[in-house]
C-alpha atoms as a PDB file:
ATOM      1  CA  UNK A   1      68.355  25.496 170.873  1.00  0.00           C
ATOM      2  CA  UNK A   2      66.594  28.119 172.885  1.00  0.00           C
ATOM      3  CA  UNK A   3      68.083  31.504 173.463  1.00  0.00           C
ATOM      4  CA  UNK A   4      69.943  31.904 176.723  1.00  0.00           C
ATOM      5  CA  UNK A   5      68.740  34.921 178.595  1.00  0.00           C
ATOM      6  CA  UNK A   6      71.446  36.895 180.323  1.00  0.00           C
ATOM      7  CA  UNK A   7      70.884  38.996 183.360  1.00  0.00           C
ATOM      8  CA  UNK A   8      70.966  42.735 182.807  1.00  0.00           C
ATOM      9  CA  UNK A   9      74.215  44.428 183.826  1.00  0.00           C
ATOM     10  CA  UNK A  10      74.387  45.428 187.453  1.00  0.00           C
ATOM     11  CA  UNK A  11      74.883  49.110 188.150  1.00  0.00           C
ATOM     12  CA  UNK A  12      75.686  49.877 191.745  1.00  0.00           C
ATOM     13  CA  UNK A  13      73.732  52.773 193.115  1.00  0.00           C
ATOM     14  CA  UNK A  14      75.660  56.000 192.781  1.00  0.00           C
ATOM     15  CA  UNK A  15      75.563  58.748 195.327  1.00  0.00           C
ATOM     16  CA  UNK A  16      74.555  62.176 194.185  1.00  0.00           C
ATOM     17  CA  UNK A  17      77.506  64.563 193.785  1.00  0.00           C
ATOM     18  CA  UNK A  18      78.379  66.634 196.788  1.00  0.00           C
ATOM     19  CA  UNK A  19      78.164  70.293 195.921  1.00  0.00           C
ATOM     20  CA  UNK A  20      80.060  72.641 198.149  1.00  0.00           C
ATOM     21  CA  UNK A  21      77.742  75.009 199.847  1.00  0.00           C
ATOM     22  CA  UNK A  22      78.049  78.554 198.581  1.00  0.00           C
ATOM     23  CA  UNK A  23      79.975  80.493 201.219  1.00  0.00           C
ATOM     24  CA  UNK A  24      78.192  83.350 202.812  1.00  0.00           C
ATOM     25  CA  UNK A  25      79.433  86.864 202.180  1.00  0.00           C
ATOM     26  CA  UNK A  26      81.646  88.706 204.666  1.00  0.00           C
ATOM     27  CA  UNK A  27      80.237  90.751 207.475  1.00  0.00           C
ATOM     28  CA  UNK A  28      80.771  94.265 206.134  1.00  0.00           C
ATOM     29  CA  UNK A  29      80.054  95.782 209.531  1.00  0.00           C
ATOM     30  CA  UNK A  30      83.538  94.657 210.542  1.00  0.00           C
ATOM     31  CA  UNK A  31      86.870  95.726 209.109  1.00  0.00           C
ATOM     32  CA  UNK A  32      89.535  93.046 209.072  1.00  0.00           C
ATOM     33  CA  UNK A  33      92.873  94.383 207.911  1.00  0.00           C
ATOM     34  CA  UNK A  34      95.515  91.748 207.184  1.00  0.00           C
ATOM     35  CA  UNK A  35      98.342  91.053 204.758  1.00  0.00           C
ATOM     36  CA  UNK A  36      99.544  93.759 202.422  1.00  0.00           C
ATOM     37  CA  UNK A  37      96.623  95.982 203.409  1.00  0.00           C
ATOM     38  CA  UNK A  38      97.842  95.933 207.013  1.00  0.00           C
ATOM     39  CA  UNK A  39     101.390  96.758 205.924  1.00  0.00           C
ATOM     40  CA  UNK A  40     100.204  99.568 203.650  1.00  0.00           C
ATOM     41  CA  UNK A  41      98.134 101.079 206.476  1.00  0.00           C
ATOM     42  CA  UNK A  42     101.170 101.024 208.750  1.00  0.00           C
ATOM     43  CA  UNK A  43     103.351 102.711 206.136  1.00  0.00           C
ATOM     44  CA  UNK A  44     100.681 105.369 205.627  1.00  0.00           C
ATOM     45  CA  UNK A  45     100.805 106.460 209.262  1.00  0.00           C
ATOM     46  CA  UNK A  46     102.471 109.833 209.756  1.00  0.00           C
ATOM     47  CA  UNK A  47     104.544 110.998 212.725  1.00  0.00           C
ATOM     48  CA  UNK A  48     102.444 111.093 215.877  1.00  0.00           C
ATOM     49  CA  UNK A  49     104.630 113.279 218.066  1.00  0.00           C
ATOM     50  CA  UNK A  50     104.053 117.023 218.192  1.00  0.00           C
ATOM     51  CA  UNK A  51     107.583 117.930 217.124  1.00  0.00           C
ATOM     52  CA  UNK A  52     107.131 116.215 213.759  1.00  0.00           C
ATOM     53  CA  UNK A  53     109.995 113.822 214.436  1.00  0.00           C
ATOM     54  CA  UNK A  54     109.978 110.071 214.151  1.00  0.00           C
ATOM     55  CA  UNK A  55     107.508 108.695 216.677  1.00  0.00           C
ATOM     56  CA  UNK A  56     108.201 105.491 218.543  1.00  0.00           C
ATOM     57  CA  UNK A  57     106.831 102.502 216.648  1.00  0.00           C
ATOM     58  CA  UNK A  58     106.582 104.386 213.378  1.00  0.00           C
ATOM     59  CA  UNK A  59     107.679 102.540 210.253  1.00  0.00           C
ATOM     60  CA  UNK A  60     109.202 104.663 207.520  1.00  0.00           C
ATOM     61  CA  UNK A  61     108.382 103.444 203.994  1.00  0.00           C
ATOM     62  CA  UNK A  62     111.418 102.120 202.180  1.00  0.00           C
ATOM     63  CA  UNK A  63     111.872 100.354 198.886  1.00  0.00           C
ATOM     64  CA  UNK A  64     114.705  98.809 196.948  1.00  0.00           C
ATOM     65  CA  UNK A  65     116.289 100.952 194.276  1.00  0.00           C
ATOM     66  CA  UNK A  66     117.553  97.887 192.369  1.00  0.00           C
ATOM     67  CA  UNK A  67     120.738  99.772 191.563  1.00  0.00           C
ATOM     68  CA  UNK A  68     122.531  96.821 189.974  1.00  0.00           C
ATOM     69  CA  UNK A  69     119.536  96.029 187.754  1.00  0.00           C
ATOM     70  CA  UNK A  70     119.174  99.670 186.750  1.00  0.00           C
ATOM     71  CA  UNK A  71     122.828  99.761 185.728  1.00  0.00           C
ATOM     72  CA  UNK A  72     122.370  96.467 183.903  1.00  0.00           C
ATOM     73  CA  UNK A  73     119.438  97.826 181.895  1.00  0.00           C
ATOM     74  CA  UNK A  74     121.215 101.099 181.136  1.00  0.00           C
ATOM     75  CA  UNK A  75     124.343  99.277 179.984  1.00  0.00           C
ATOM     76  CA  UNK A  76     122.258  96.995 177.775  1.00  0.00           C
ATOM     77  CA  UNK A  77     120.346  99.870 176.175  1.00  0.00           C
ATOM     78  CA  UNK A  78     123.527 101.895 175.791  1.00  0.00           C
ATOM     79  CA  UNK A  79     125.257  99.131 173.849  1.00  0.00           C
ATOM     80  CA  UNK A  80     122.185  98.534 171.678  1.00  0.00           C
ATOM     81  CA  UNK A  81     122.124 102.219 170.736  1.00  0.00           C
ATOM     82  CA  UNK A  82     125.879 102.233 170.123  1.00  0.00           C
ATOM     83  CA  UNK A  83     125.491  99.251 167.801  1.00  0.00           C
ATOM     84  CA  UNK A  84     122.687 100.994 165.913  1.00  0.00           C
ATOM     85  CA  UNK A  85     124.847 104.108 165.712  1.00  0.00           C
ATOM     86  CA  UNK A  86     127.628 102.122 164.033  1.00  0.00           C
ATOM     87  CA  UNK A  87     125.187 100.555 161.571  1.00  0.00           C
ATOM     88  CA  UNK A  88     123.723 103.960 160.751  1.00  0.00           C
ATOM     89  CA  UNK A  89     127.200 105.367 160.078  1.00  0.00           C
ATOM     90  CA  UNK A  90     127.873 102.467 157.705  1.00  0.00           C
ATOM     91  CA  UNK A  91     124.618 103.063 155.812  1.00  0.00           C
ATOM     92  CA  UNK A  92     125.240 106.827 155.672  1.00  0.00           C
ATOM     93  CA  UNK A  93     128.695 106.244 154.232  1.00  0.00           C
ATOM     94  CA  UNK A  94     127.354 103.764 151.681  1.00  0.00           C
ATOM     95  CA  UNK A  95     124.685 106.209 150.514  1.00  0.00           C
ATOM     96  CA  UNK A  96     127.136 109.108 150.395  1.00  0.00           C
ATOM     97  CA  UNK A  97     129.601 107.206 148.202  1.00  0.00           C
ATOM     98  CA  UNK A  98     126.952 105.812 145.852  1.00  0.00           C
ATOM     99  CA  UNK A  99     124.865 108.977 145.448  1.00  0.00           C
ATOM    100  CA  UNK A 100     125.596 111.065 142.328  1.00  0.00           C
ATOM    101  CA  UNK A 101     124.415 114.279 144.004  1.00  0.00           C
ATOM    102  CA  UNK A 102     125.806 115.750 147.228  1.00  0.00           C
ATOM    103  CA  UNK A 103     122.420 117.320 148.039  1.00  0.00           C
ATOM    104  CA  UNK A 104     120.141 115.120 150.146  1.00  0.00           C
ATOM    105  CA  UNK A 105     116.352 115.137 149.935  1.00  0.00           C
ATOM    106  CA  UNK A 106     114.293 113.225 152.447  1.00  0.00           C
ATOM    107  CA  UNK A 107     111.193 113.536 150.261  1.00  0.00           C
ATOM    108  CA  UNK A 108     112.962 112.172 147.195  1.00  0.00           C
ATOM    109  CA  UNK A 109     114.440 109.324 149.226  1.00  0.00           C
ATOM    110  CA  UNK A 110     110.972 108.423 150.548  1.00  0.00           C
ATOM    111  CA  UNK A 111     109.544 108.264 147.007  1.00  0.00           C
ATOM    112  CA  UNK A 112     112.411 107.088 144.843  1.00  0.00           C
ATOM    113  CA  UNK A 113     114.999 105.893 147.332  1.00  0.00           C
ATOM    114  CA  UNK A 114     116.933 102.664 147.104  1.00  0.00           C
ATOM    115  CA  UNK A 115     117.025  99.811 149.573  1.00  0.00           C
ATOM    116  CA  UNK A 116     119.725 101.643 151.524  1.00  0.00           C
ATOM    117  CA  UNK A 117     117.463 104.654 151.983  1.00  0.00           C
ATOM    118  CA  UNK A 118     114.612 102.512 153.296  1.00  0.00           C
ATOM    119  CA  UNK A 119     117.041 100.702 155.550  1.00  0.00           C
ATOM    120  CA  UNK A 120     118.267 104.002 156.965  1.00  0.00           C
ATOM    121  CA  UNK A 121     114.720 105.218 157.617  1.00  0.00           C
ATOM    122  CA  UNK A 122     113.862 101.989 159.413  1.00  0.00           C
ATOM    123  CA  UNK A 123     117.055 102.242 161.434  1.00  0.00           C
ATOM    124  CA  UNK A 124     116.263 105.817 162.502  1.00  0.00           C
ATOM    125  CA  UNK A 125     112.882 104.637 163.772  1.00  0.00           C
ATOM    126  CA  UNK A 126     114.505 101.895 165.825  1.00  0.00           C
ATOM    127  CA  UNK A 127     117.043 104.359 167.214  1.00  0.00           C
ATOM    128  CA  UNK A 128     114.221 106.738 168.165  1.00  0.00           C
ATOM    129  CA  UNK A 129     112.468 104.026 170.183  1.00  0.00           C
ATOM    130  CA  UNK A 130     115.665 102.880 171.892  1.00  0.00           C
ATOM    131  CA  UNK A 131     116.720 106.435 172.723  1.00  0.00           C
ATOM    132  CA  UNK A 132     113.328 107.079 174.301  1.00  0.00           C
ATOM    133  CA  UNK A 133     113.690 103.998 176.497  1.00  0.00           C
ATOM    134  CA  UNK A 134     117.270 104.896 177.388  1.00  0.00           C
ATOM    135  CA  UNK A 135     116.529 108.541 178.214  1.00  0.00           C
ATOM    136  CA  UNK A 136     113.514 107.623 180.326  1.00  0.00           C
ATOM    137  CA  UNK A 137     115.416 104.958 182.264  1.00  0.00           C
ATOM    138  CA  UNK A 138     118.420 107.228 182.820  1.00  0.00           C
ATOM    139  CA  UNK A 139     116.328 110.226 183.892  1.00  0.00           C
ATOM    140  CA  UNK A 140     114.102 108.159 186.187  1.00  0.00           C
ATOM    141  CA  UNK A 141     117.051 106.452 187.875  1.00  0.00           C
ATOM    142  CA  UNK A 142     118.956 109.723 188.296  1.00  0.00           C
ATOM    143  CA  UNK A 143     115.908 111.495 189.759  1.00  0.00           C
ATOM    144  CA  UNK A 144     115.298 108.665 192.211  1.00  0.00           C
ATOM    145  CA  UNK A 145     118.877 108.782 193.502  1.00  0.00           C
ATOM    146  CA  UNK A 146     118.739 112.573 193.819  1.00  0.00           C
ATOM    147  CA  UNK A 147     115.395 112.846 195.616  1.00  0.00           C
ATOM    148  CA  UNK A 148     115.564 109.839 197.951  1.00  0.00           C
ATOM    149  CA  UNK A 149     118.095 109.144 200.695  1.00  0.00           C
ATOM    150  CA  UNK A 150     119.417 105.728 201.729  1.00  0.00           C
ATOM    151  CA  UNK A 151     117.556 104.172 204.638  1.00  0.00           C
ATOM    152  CA  UNK A 152     119.421 104.406 207.924  1.00  0.00           C
ATOM    153  CA  UNK A 153     120.216 101.420 210.109  1.00  0.00           C
ATOM    154  CA  UNK A 154     117.702 102.565 212.746  1.00  0.00           C
ATOM    155  CA  UNK A 155     114.927 102.914 210.159  1.00  0.00           C
ATOM    156  CA  UNK A 156     115.601  99.451 208.743  1.00  0.00           C
ATOM    157  CA  UNK A 157     115.674  97.973 212.257  1.00  0.00           C
ATOM    158  CA  UNK A 158     112.326  99.583 213.153  1.00  0.00           C
ATOM    159  CA  UNK A 159     110.745  98.254 209.948  1.00  0.00           C
ATOM    160  CA  UNK A 160     112.185  94.775 210.514  1.00  0.00           C
ATOM    161  CA  UNK A 161     111.039  94.673 214.150  1.00  0.00           C
ATOM    162  CA  UNK A 162     107.473  95.570 213.227  1.00  0.00           C
ATOM    163  CA  UNK A 163     107.443  92.944 210.470  1.00  0.00           C
ATOM    164  CA  UNK A 164     108.664  90.245 212.859  1.00  0.00           C
ATOM    165  CA  UNK A 165     106.020  91.186 215.417  1.00  0.00           C
ATOM    166  CA  UNK A 166     103.004  91.336 213.090  1.00  0.00           C
ATOM    167  CA  UNK A 167     104.122  89.122 210.147  1.00  0.00           C
ATOM    168  CA  UNK A 168     101.667  90.605 207.624  1.00  0.00           C
ATOM    169  CA  UNK A 169     103.278  88.966 204.579  1.00  0.00           C
ATOM    170  CA  UNK A 170     105.196  85.802 203.799  1.00  0.00           C
ATOM    171  CA  UNK A 171     108.823  85.660 204.931  1.00  0.00           C
ATOM    172  CA  UNK A 172     110.099  85.181 201.387  1.00  0.00           C
ATOM    173  CA  UNK A 173     108.376  88.405 200.316  1.00  0.00           C
ATOM    174  CA  UNK A 174     109.822  90.351 203.237  1.00  0.00           C
ATOM    175  CA  UNK A 175     113.430  89.557 202.379  1.00  0.00           C
ATOM    176  CA  UNK A 176     113.845  92.893 200.614  1.00  0.00           C
ATOM    177  CA  UNK A 177     114.664  94.342 204.047  1.00  0.00           C
ATOM    178  CA  UNK A 178     117.838  92.251 204.079  1.00  0.00           C
ATOM    179  CA  UNK A 179     119.207  94.322 201.167  1.00  0.00           C
ATOM    180  CA  UNK A 180     120.151  97.185 203.494  1.00  0.00           C
ATOM    181  CA  UNK A 181     122.551  98.863 201.065  1.00  0.00           C
ATOM    182  CA  UNK A 182     119.876  98.914 198.362  1.00  0.00           C
ATOM    183  CA  UNK A 183     117.027 100.474 200.369  1.00  0.00           C
ATOM    184  CA  UNK A 184     115.762 104.019 199.881  1.00  0.00           C
ATOM    185  CA  UNK A 185     113.610 105.778 202.465  1.00  0.00           C
ATOM    186  CA  UNK A 186     110.489 107.668 201.392  1.00  0.00           C
ATOM    187  CA  UNK A 187     110.020 110.507 203.870  1.00  0.00           C
ATOM    188  CA  UNK A 188     106.874 112.629 203.880  1.00  0.00           C
ATOM    189  CA  UNK A 189     108.757 115.491 205.569  1.00  0.00           C
ATOM    190  CA  UNK A 190     111.389 115.516 202.838  1.00  0.00           C
ATOM    191  CA  UNK A 191     108.691 115.753 200.169  1.00  0.00           C
ATOM    192  CA  UNK A 192     107.059 118.654 201.983  1.00  0.00           C
ATOM    193  CA  UNK A 193     110.410 120.422 202.202  1.00  0.00           C
ATOM    194  CA  UNK A 194     110.879 120.054 198.456  1.00  0.00           C
ATOM    195  CA  UNK A 195     107.472 121.583 197.825  1.00  0.00           C
ATOM    196  CA  UNK A 196     108.280 124.413 200.217  1.00  0.00           C
ATOM    197  CA  UNK A 197     111.546 125.066 198.421  1.00  0.00           C
ATOM    198  CA  UNK A 198     109.738 125.365 195.105  1.00  0.00           C
ATOM    199  CA  UNK A 199     107.290 127.822 196.660  1.00  0.00           C
ATOM    200  CA  UNK A 200     110.189 129.872 198.014  1.00  0.00           C
ATOM    201  CA  UNK A 201     111.727 130.215 194.565  1.00  0.00           C
ATOM    202  CA  UNK A 202     108.383 131.309 193.129  1.00  0.00           C
ATOM    203  CA  UNK A 203     107.970 133.917 195.860  1.00  0.00           C
ATOM    204  CA  UNK A 204     111.459 135.253 195.238  1.00  0.00           C
ATOM    205  CA  UNK A 205     110.808 135.448 191.505  1.00  0.00           C
ATOM    206  CA  UNK A 206     107.680 137.519 192.158  1.00  0.00           C
ATOM    207  CA  UNK A 207     109.458 139.707 194.706  1.00  0.00           C
ATOM    208  CA  UNK A 208     112.318 140.816 192.459  1.00  0.00           C
ATOM    209  CA  UNK A 209     110.213 143.175 190.278  1.00  0.00           C
ATOM    210  CA  UNK A 210     108.543 144.576 193.392  1.00  0.00           C
ATOM    211  CA  UNK A 211     111.925 145.370 194.937  1.00  0.00           C
ATOM    212  CA  UNK A 212     112.847 147.384 191.851  1.00  0.00           C
ATOM    213  CA  UNK A 213     109.556 149.338 191.792  1.00  0.00           C
ATOM    214  CA  UNK A 214     109.380 150.299 195.484  1.00  0.00           C
ATOM    215  CA  UNK A 215     111.933 153.168 195.272  1.00  0.00           C
ATOM    216  CA  UNK A 216     110.027 154.719 192.354  1.00  0.00           C
ATOM    217  CA  UNK A 217     106.775 154.554 194.304  1.00  0.00           C
ATOM    218  CA  UNK A 218     108.486 156.183 197.285  1.00  0.00           C
ATOM    219  CA  UNK A 219     109.712 159.098 195.139  1.00  0.00           C
ATOM    220  CA  UNK A 220     106.186 159.751 193.906  1.00  0.00           C
ATOM    221  CA  UNK A 221     104.448 159.496 197.286  1.00  0.00           C
ATOM    222  CA  UNK A 222     106.833 160.958 199.881  1.00  0.00           C
ATOM    223  CA  UNK A 223     107.269 164.762 199.649  1.00  0.00           C
ATOM    224  CA  UNK A 224     110.582 166.443 200.344  1.00  0.00           C
ATOM    225  CA  UNK A 225     114.123 165.471 199.476  1.00  0.00           C
ATOM    226  CA  UNK A 226     115.102 164.322 202.967  1.00  0.00           C
ATOM    227  CA  UNK A 227     111.970 162.216 203.335  1.00  0.00           C
ATOM    228  CA  UNK A 228     112.528 160.551 199.985  1.00  0.00           C
ATOM    229  CA  UNK A 229     116.192 159.937 200.784  1.00  0.00           C
ATOM    230  CA  UNK A 230     115.274 158.355 204.121  1.00  0.00           C
ATOM    231  CA  UNK A 231     112.673 156.068 202.524  1.00  0.00           C
ATOM    232  CA  UNK A 232     115.087 155.015 199.756  1.00  0.00           C
ATOM    233  CA  UNK A 233     117.794 154.167 202.308  1.00  0.00           C
ATOM    234  CA  UNK A 234     115.262 152.227 204.380  1.00  0.00           C
ATOM    235  CA  UNK A 235     113.991 150.256 201.377  1.00  0.00           C
ATOM    236  CA  UNK A 236     117.536 149.611 200.167  1.00  0.00           C
ATOM    237  CA  UNK A 237     118.580 148.249 203.557  1.00  0.00           C
ATOM    238  CA  UNK A 238     115.550 145.960 203.631  1.00  0.00           C
ATOM    239  CA  UNK A 239     116.301 144.696 200.132  1.00  0.00           C
ATOM    240  CA  UNK A 240     119.924 143.987 201.033  1.00  0.00           C
ATOM    241  CA  UNK A 241     118.752 142.048 204.083  1.00  0.00           C
ATOM    242  CA  UNK A 242     116.341 139.985 201.994  1.00  0.00           C
ATOM    243  CA  UNK A 243     119.008 139.180 199.401  1.00  0.00           C
ATOM    244  CA  UNK A 244     121.616 138.173 201.973  1.00  0.00           C
ATOM    245  CA  UNK A 245     119.276 136.111 204.167  1.00  0.00           C
ATOM    246  CA  UNK A 246     117.674 134.105 201.331  1.00  0.00           C
ATOM    247  CA  UNK A 247     118.835 132.089 198.338  1.00  0.00           C
ATOM    248  CA  UNK A 248     118.732 135.173 196.118  1.00  0.00           C
ATOM    249  CA  UNK A 249     122.401 135.807 196.892  1.00  0.00           C
ATOM    250  CA  UNK A 250     123.377 132.708 194.955  1.00  0.00           C
ATOM    251  CA  UNK A 251     121.593 133.796 191.784  1.00  0.00           C
ATOM    252  CA  UNK A 252     124.209 136.452 190.918  1.00  0.00           C
ATOM    253  CA  UNK A 253     127.811 137.183 191.799  1.00  0.00           C
ATOM    254  CA  UNK A 254     128.734 139.980 194.219  1.00  0.00           C
ATOM    255  CA  UNK A 255     129.906 142.212 191.356  1.00  0.00           C
ATOM    256  CA  UNK A 256     126.627 141.707 189.492  1.00  0.00           C
ATOM    257  CA  UNK A 257     124.644 142.624 192.607  1.00  0.00           C
ATOM    258  CA  UNK A 258     126.737 145.805 192.979  1.00  0.00           C
ATOM    259  CA  UNK A 259     126.014 146.741 189.360  1.00  0.00           C
ATOM    260  CA  UNK A 260     122.290 146.146 189.897  1.00  0.00           C
ATOM    261  CA  UNK A 261     122.302 148.309 193.023  1.00  0.00           C
ATOM    262  CA  UNK A 262     124.048 151.181 191.241  1.00  0.00           C
ATOM    263  CA  UNK A 263     121.553 151.296 188.373  1.00  0.00           C
END
């Protein structure tokens, strides 16, 4: 029988793949500010009125303090450290009762110590790490509460109104404004006042030695007893005015200031 020839398999013509055209780059001659960049630019704006007060339409930056979460973390770290403290006390007591000598030597324990000594060293390292985390969290949270004030109802309303009008970010990501009792306001004026207060303390610290030296300079420069007495009284009155009108008065008690003046 002859071989039956079969037709070659039929392959339908395939279309070449459609490659998406490479998008052209943005026009860098324009500046399009949207989304979080738009919100950040708005929060960066300072007060526009001449008195330095809150200008109409200004949005004061505010952020959540996450007070409940901060307390949750601090409570968790606190209990972890307390648990390690109890374990360390147990190991210390075990070593103290099993050691033939009452004198401890860290170097000897590192070289010839038992399993309890190595366990105690490892535990001290873990406590060191946990204490660092705990101290940093506690200090950071305390500083935040001390330096920042809660956002007022008017400030939250102004922020919320601007967000509703411009809608720079998704609604789900703007819900932090609904946590009114958890919002802290970041005021540029308050930060400047803190810096000014630090400068005032530095100036007062530099002025104290000068106040003590001025009478001596007056005695050496001004001739005559009456002239010297007049200058000393004048300088003393000025110094009393400076002390009373500034924060220097709170550095010492009234009795201590009297003793200093009589010296």
